[in-house]
Amino acid sequence: MLNSKTQSGEDSLNLSQAETDAILAAVNEQLGLNSFNPDDQQLLKQMIESMGDSRGMVRLSFAEALGKIGKPATPLLMEAVTNHPNPVVRRASAKTLTLIADPIAIPTLVNALLNDEDTVVKTSAVGGLPKSVRQLCQHC
């Protein structure tokens, strides 16, 4: 079973494409077997960092995997949208919050819309708001 200690312990920014691919394959296998541990914060962080990969399909695959994991990933994705230095990771994190549609992300998405320097982060944040607001309204 893959966990954060399975890899070299290096930050995902330093992982090779082969290592990133291995993480993605293992995560997808675990999700398929319903054996993924959503409490493994280090692995979730690696997945978010891997959304900075230069390959668009890899970023999409990590976003989809995090979307399947759902709400346990929300706080780390919100942190990435707010503070990650790489705009590609901020963009992908905002888009992933769209997949999860957790209402607690609304303030983070609004903040990104109003304050992020990257136009694509702003549009990604806008895309996440309708679903999150709908989820919130279902609880009103």
C-alpha atoms as a PDB file:
ATOM      1  CA  MET A   1       0.000   0.000   0.000  1.00  0.00           C
ATOM      2  CA  LEU A   2       1.332   3.415  -0.934  1.00  0.00           C
ATOM      3  CA  ASN A   3       1.783   5.969   1.780  1.00  0.00           C
ATOM      4  CA  SER A   4       3.857   9.072   2.260  1.00  0.00           C
ATOM      5  CA  LYS A   5       6.827   7.009   3.426  1.00  0.00           C
ATOM      6  CA  THR A   6       6.798   4.875   0.273  1.00  0.00           C
ATOM      7  CA  GLN A   7       8.530   7.579  -1.689  1.00  0.00           C
ATOM      8  CA  SER A   8      11.931   9.047  -1.016  1.00  0.00           C
ATOM      9  CA  GLY A   9      10.562  11.603   1.428  1.00  0.00           C
ATOM     10  CA  GLU A  10      11.461  14.386  -0.978  1.00  0.00           C
ATOM     11  CA  ASP A  11       8.988  17.120  -1.795  1.00  0.00           C
ATOM     12  CA  SER A  12       6.985  16.226  -4.904  1.00  0.00           C
ATOM     13  CA  LEU A  13       8.533  19.169  -6.714  1.00  0.00           C
ATOM     14  CA  ASN A  14      11.700  17.103  -6.772  1.00  0.00           C
ATOM     15  CA  LEU A  15      10.085  13.872  -7.974  1.00  0.00           C
ATOM     16  CA  SER A  16      10.922  12.553 -11.394  1.00  0.00           C
ATOM     17  CA  GLN A  17       8.141  11.956 -13.880  1.00  0.00           C
ATOM     18  CA  ALA A  18       8.487   8.224 -13.236  1.00  0.00           C
ATOM     19  CA  GLU A  19       8.054   8.749  -9.478  1.00  0.00           C
ATOM     20  CA  THR A  20       5.062  11.021 -10.049  1.00  0.00           C
ATOM     21  CA  ASP A  21       3.549   8.430 -12.387  1.00  0.00           C
ATOM     22  CA  ALA A  22       4.122   5.706  -9.770  1.00  0.00           C
ATOM     23  CA  ILE A  23       2.316   7.764  -7.116  1.00  0.00           C
ATOM     24  CA  LEU A  24      -0.596   8.377  -9.463  1.00  0.00           C
ATOM     25  CA  ALA A  25      -0.846   4.706 -10.422  1.00  0.00           C
ATOM     26  CA  ALA A  26      -0.767   3.578  -6.800  1.00  0.00           C
ATOM     27  CA  VAL A  27      -3.333   6.185  -5.719  1.00  0.00           C
ATOM     28  CA  ASN A  28      -5.679   5.202  -8.548  1.00  0.00           C
ATOM     29  CA  GLU A  29      -5.287   1.527  -7.662  1.00  0.00           C
ATOM     30  CA  GLN A  30      -6.079   2.252  -4.019  1.00  0.00           C
ATOM     31  CA  LEU A  31      -9.099   4.346  -4.982  1.00  0.00           C
ATOM     32  CA  GLY A  32     -10.313   1.493  -7.187  1.00  0.00           C
ATOM     33  CA  LEU A  33      -9.933  -0.968  -4.309  1.00  0.00           C
ATOM     34  CA  ASN A  34     -11.426   1.452  -1.764  1.00  0.00           C
ATOM     35  CA  SER A  35      -8.232   1.163   0.254  1.00  0.00           C
ATOM     36  CA  PHE A  36      -7.010   4.768   0.001  1.00  0.00           C
ATOM     37  CA  ASN A  37      -6.288   6.322   3.393  1.00  0.00           C
ATOM     38  CA  PRO A  38      -7.656   9.899   3.296  1.00  0.00           C
ATOM     39  CA  ASP A  39      -5.919  10.624   6.610  1.00  0.00           C
ATOM     40  CA  ASP A  40      -2.459  10.375   5.024  1.00  0.00           C
ATOM     41  CA  GLN A  41      -1.833  14.111   4.917  1.00  0.00           C
ATOM     42  CA  GLN A  42       1.673  13.734   3.502  1.00  0.00           C
ATOM     43  CA  LEU A  43       0.392  11.739   0.533  1.00  0.00           C
ATOM     44  CA  LEU A  44      -2.395  14.263  -0.063  1.00  0.00           C
ATOM     45  CA  LYS A  45       0.223  17.036  -0.032  1.00  0.00           C
ATOM     46  CA  GLN A  46       2.328  15.099  -2.562  1.00  0.00           C
ATOM     47  CA  MET A  47      -0.718  14.723  -4.776  1.00  0.00           C
ATOM     48  CA  ILE A  48      -1.373  18.466  -4.638  1.00  0.00           C
ATOM     49  CA  GLU A  49       2.286  19.244  -5.339  1.00  0.00           C
ATOM     50  CA  SER A  50       2.119  16.845  -8.294  1.00  0.00           C
ATOM     51  CA  MET A  51      -0.553  19.048  -9.839  1.00  0.00           C
ATOM     52  CA  GLY A  52       2.366  21.289 -10.753  1.00  0.00           C
ATOM     53  CA  ASP A  53       3.616  18.621 -13.174  1.00  0.00           C
ATOM     54  CA  SER A  54       4.397  19.895 -16.660  1.00  0.00           C
ATOM     55  CA  ARG A  55       2.067  17.288 -18.205  1.00  0.00           C
ATOM     56  CA  GLY A  56      -1.543  18.417 -18.369  1.00  0.00           C
ATOM     57  CA  MET A  57      -2.999  14.912 -18.290  1.00  0.00           C
ATOM     58  CA  VAL A  58      -1.060  14.130 -15.132  1.00  0.00           C
ATOM     59  CA  ARG A  59      -2.421  17.292 -13.489  1.00  0.00           C
ATOM     60  CA  LEU A  60      -5.935  16.327 -14.568  1.00  0.00           C
ATOM     61  CA  SER A  61      -5.519  12.783 -13.253  1.00  0.00           C
ATOM     62  CA  PHE A  62      -4.386  14.032  -9.840  1.00  0.00           C
ATOM     63  CA  ALA A  63      -7.289  16.503  -9.760  1.00  0.00           C
ATOM     64  CA  GLU A  64      -9.744  13.719 -10.561  1.00  0.00           C
ATOM     65  CA  ALA A  65      -8.213  11.475  -7.875  1.00  0.00           C
ATOM     66  CA  LEU A  66      -8.413  14.261  -5.308  1.00  0.00           C
ATOM     67  CA  GLY A  67     -11.995  14.885  -6.415  1.00  0.00           C
ATOM     68  CA  LYS A  68     -12.797  11.242  -5.639  1.00  0.00           C
ATOM     69  CA  ILE A  69     -11.155  11.574  -2.232  1.00  0.00           C
ATOM     70  CA  GLY A  70     -13.386  14.569  -1.645  1.00  0.00           C
ATOM     71  CA  LYS A  71     -13.725  16.563   1.542  1.00  0.00           C
ATOM     72  CA  PRO A  72     -10.638  15.177   3.331  1.00  0.00           C
ATOM     73  CA  ALA A  73      -8.555  16.949   0.657  1.00  0.00           C
ATOM     74  CA  THR A  74     -10.408  20.269   0.913  1.00  0.00           C
ATOM     75  CA  PRO A  75      -8.298  21.958   3.635  1.00  0.00           C
ATOM     76  CA  LEU A  76      -5.026  21.191   1.840  1.00  0.00           C
ATOM     77  CA  LEU A  77      -6.444  22.351  -1.491  1.00  0.00           C
ATOM     78  CA  MET A  78      -7.653  25.568   0.130  1.00  0.00           C
ATOM     79  CA  GLU A  79      -4.163  26.118   1.535  1.00  0.00           C
ATOM     80  CA  ALA A  80      -2.674  25.553  -1.921  1.00  0.00           C
ATOM     81  CA  VAL A  81      -5.092  27.997  -3.590  1.00  0.00           C
ATOM     82  CA  THR A  82      -4.244  30.622  -0.994  1.00  0.00           C
ATOM     83  CA  ASN A  83      -0.503  30.230  -0.539  1.00  0.00           C
ATOM     84  CA  HIS A  84       1.189  28.016  -3.102  1.00  0.00           C
ATOM     85  CA  PRO A  85       3.941  29.872  -4.977  1.00  0.00           C
ATOM     86  CA  ASN A  86       3.280  27.988  -8.232  1.00  0.00           C
ATOM     87  CA  PRO A  87       0.269  29.402 -10.106  1.00  0.00           C
ATOM     88  CA  VAL A  88      -0.195  26.061 -11.900  1.00  0.00           C
ATOM     89  CA  VAL A  89      -0.785  24.361  -8.545  1.00  0.00           C
ATOM     90  CA  ARG A  90      -3.106  27.180  -7.436  1.00  0.00           C
ATOM     91  CA  ARG A  91      -5.093  26.843 -10.687  1.00  0.00           C
ATOM     92  CA  ALA A  92      -5.369  23.064 -10.422  1.00  0.00           C
ATOM     93  CA  SER A  93      -6.279  23.266  -6.728  1.00  0.00           C
ATOM     94  CA  ALA A  94      -9.086  25.739  -7.439  1.00  0.00           C
ATOM     95  CA  LYS A  95     -10.380  23.510 -10.232  1.00  0.00           C
ATOM     96  CA  THR A  96     -10.208  20.493  -7.937  1.00  0.00           C
ATOM     97  CA  LEU A  97     -12.267  22.324  -5.332  1.00  0.00           C
ATOM     98  CA  THR A  98     -14.866  22.629  -8.099  1.00  0.00           C
ATOM     99  CA  LEU A  99     -15.011  18.838  -8.300  1.00  0.00           C
ATOM    100  CA  ILE A 100     -15.411  18.490  -4.536  1.00  0.00           C
ATOM    101  CA  ALA A 101     -17.919  21.355  -4.151  1.00  0.00           C
ATOM    102  CA  ASP A 102     -17.371  21.678  -0.398  1.00  0.00           C
ATOM    103  CA  PRO A 103     -19.068  24.844   0.888  1.00  0.00           C
ATOM    104  CA  ILE A 104     -16.220  25.534   3.326  1.00  0.00           C
ATOM    105  CA  ALA A 105     -14.087  26.432   0.285  1.00  0.00           C
ATOM    106  CA  ILE A 106     -16.306  29.379  -0.692  1.00  0.00           C
ATOM    107  CA  PRO A 107     -14.310  32.053   1.211  1.00  0.00           C
ATOM    108  CA  THR A 108     -11.053  30.708  -0.235  1.00  0.00           C
ATOM    109  CA  LEU A 109     -12.436  30.748  -3.768  1.00  0.00           C
ATOM    110  CA  VAL A 110     -13.833  34.270  -3.345  1.00  0.00           C
ATOM    111  CA  ASN A 111     -10.479  35.432  -1.972  1.00  0.00           C
ATOM    112  CA  ALA A 112      -8.681  33.903  -4.968  1.00  0.00           C
ATOM    113  CA  LEU A 113     -11.146  35.563  -7.330  1.00  0.00           C
ATOM    114  CA  LEU A 114     -10.589  38.966  -5.760  1.00  0.00           C
ATOM    115  CA  ASN A 115      -6.903  38.832  -4.902  1.00  0.00           C
ATOM    116  CA  ASP A 116      -4.886  36.292  -6.882  1.00  0.00           C
ATOM    117  CA  GLU A 117      -2.472  37.832  -9.357  1.00  0.00           C
ATOM    118  CA  ASP A 118      -3.039  35.035 -11.886  1.00  0.00           C
ATOM    119  CA  THR A 119      -6.039  35.441 -14.202  1.00  0.00           C
ATOM    120  CA  VAL A 120      -6.451  31.686 -14.679  1.00  0.00           C
ATOM    121  CA  VAL A 121      -6.553  31.155 -10.899  1.00  0.00           C
ATOM    122  CA  LYS A 122      -9.328  33.763 -10.777  1.00  0.00           C
ATOM    123  CA  THR A 123     -11.366  32.044 -13.499  1.00  0.00           C
ATOM    124  CA  SER A 124     -10.769  28.653 -11.888  1.00  0.00           C
ATOM    125  CA  ALA A 125     -12.075  30.047  -8.603  1.00  0.00           C
ATOM    126  CA  VAL A 126     -15.176  31.432 -10.327  1.00  0.00           C
ATOM    127  CA  GLY A 127     -15.829  27.987 -11.783  1.00  0.00           C
ATOM    128  CA  GLY A 128     -15.863  26.444  -8.322  1.00  0.00           C
ATOM    129  CA  LEU A 129     -18.279  28.857  -6.728  1.00  0.00           C
ATOM    130  CA  PRO A 130     -21.633  27.777  -8.233  1.00  0.00           C
ATOM    131  CA  LYS A 131     -21.336  24.141  -7.146  1.00  0.00           C
ATOM    132  CA  SER A 132     -20.112  25.083  -3.681  1.00  0.00           C
ATOM    133  CA  VAL A 133     -22.905  27.620  -3.222  1.00  0.00           C
ATOM    134  CA  ARG A 134     -25.490  25.064  -4.389  1.00  0.00           C
ATOM    135  CA  GLN A 135     -24.175  22.602  -1.811  1.00  0.00           C
ATOM    136  CA  LEU A 136     -24.371  25.298   0.859  1.00  0.00           C
ATOM    137  CA  CYS A 137     -27.959  26.196  -0.120  1.00  0.00           C
ATOM    138  CA  GLN A 138     -29.019  22.561   0.214  1.00  0.00           C
ATOM    139  CA  HIS A 139     -28.164  22.843   3.899  1.00  0.00           C
ATOM    140  CA  CYS A 140     -30.121  26.079   4.444  1.00  0.00           C
END
